[in-house]
Amino acid sequence: MKVTIKLPKPRNPLVAPARARKAGAHASHNPARRVRRLEKQKLNQVLSVRKTDSDCDV
């Protein structure tokens, strides 16, 4: 009679290097784009507040 030992699945060898890499957002190469984006967000916030205020007045 043969004895078989059930072995666990082998680990993925690519996981350890992937976890060791520095993660996060990419660096901004265009600071002007960041400024435009912040201004656009502020404008949308002001407009959304104005829109909700006008809905309550009616």
Protein backbone atom coordinates (compact mmCIF):
# COMPACT_ATOMS: atom_id res chain seq x y z
CA MET A 1 0.00 0.00 0.00
CA LYS A 2 1.35 3.45 -0.99
CA VAL A 3 1.23 6.35 1.41
CA THR A 4 0.50 9.73 -0.16
CA ILE A 5 1.17 12.93 1.71
CA LYS A 6 -0.95 15.89 0.71
CA LEU A 7 1.29 18.95 0.33
CA PRO A 8 0.06 22.54 0.45
CA LYS A 9 -0.04 24.60 -2.73
CA PRO A 10 3.27 26.30 -3.51
CA ARG A 11 3.45 30.02 -2.78
CA ASN A 12 3.41 32.53 -5.57
CA PRO A 13 7.04 33.69 -5.94
CA LEU A 14 5.96 37.10 -7.28
CA VAL A 15 4.03 38.15 -4.18
CA ALA A 16 7.01 38.92 -1.92
CA PRO A 17 8.74 41.32 -4.36
CA ALA A 18 5.43 42.99 -5.16
CA ARG A 19 4.69 43.64 -1.49
CA ALA A 20 8.21 44.93 -0.90
CA ARG A 21 7.83 47.64 -3.55
CA LYS A 22 6.87 51.12 -2.44
CA ALA A 23 3.17 51.56 -3.08
CA GLY A 24 1.17 54.75 -3.43
CA ALA A 25 0.16 57.44 -5.84
CA HIS A 26 2.41 58.30 -8.71
CA ALA A 27 4.42 61.48 -8.46
CA SER A 28 2.92 64.52 -10.09
CA HIS A 29 4.97 65.55 -13.11
CA ASN A 30 2.73 68.48 -13.93
CA PRO A 31 2.13 70.82 -10.97
CA ALA A 32 -0.07 73.11 -13.10
CA ARG A 33 -2.51 70.23 -13.57
CA ARG A 34 -2.74 69.82 -9.80
CA VAL A 35 -3.55 73.50 -9.36
CA ARG A 36 -6.23 73.37 -12.07
CA ARG A 37 -7.73 70.27 -10.50
CA LEU A 38 -7.91 71.88 -7.04
CA GLU A 39 -9.53 74.99 -8.49
CA LYS A 40 -12.05 72.87 -10.37
CA GLN A 41 -12.90 70.96 -7.19
CA LYS A 42 -13.42 74.22 -5.29
CA LEU A 43 -15.65 75.55 -8.06
CA ASN A 44 -17.75 72.36 -8.12
CA GLN A 45 -18.09 72.49 -4.35
CA VAL A 46 -19.30 76.10 -4.45
CA LEU A 47 -21.71 75.34 -7.26
CA SER A 48 -23.10 72.28 -5.50
CA VAL A 49 -23.70 74.27 -2.32
CA ARG A 50 -25.36 77.03 -4.34
CA LYS A 51 -27.51 74.45 -6.15
CA THR A 52 -28.72 72.84 -2.90
CA ASP A 53 -29.39 76.27 -1.36
CA SER A 54 -31.50 77.34 -4.34
CA ASP A 55 -33.52 74.10 -4.14
CA CYS A 56 -34.46 74.88 -0.55
CA ASP A 57 -35.56 78.45 -1.39
CA VAL A 58 -38.17 77.29 -3.92
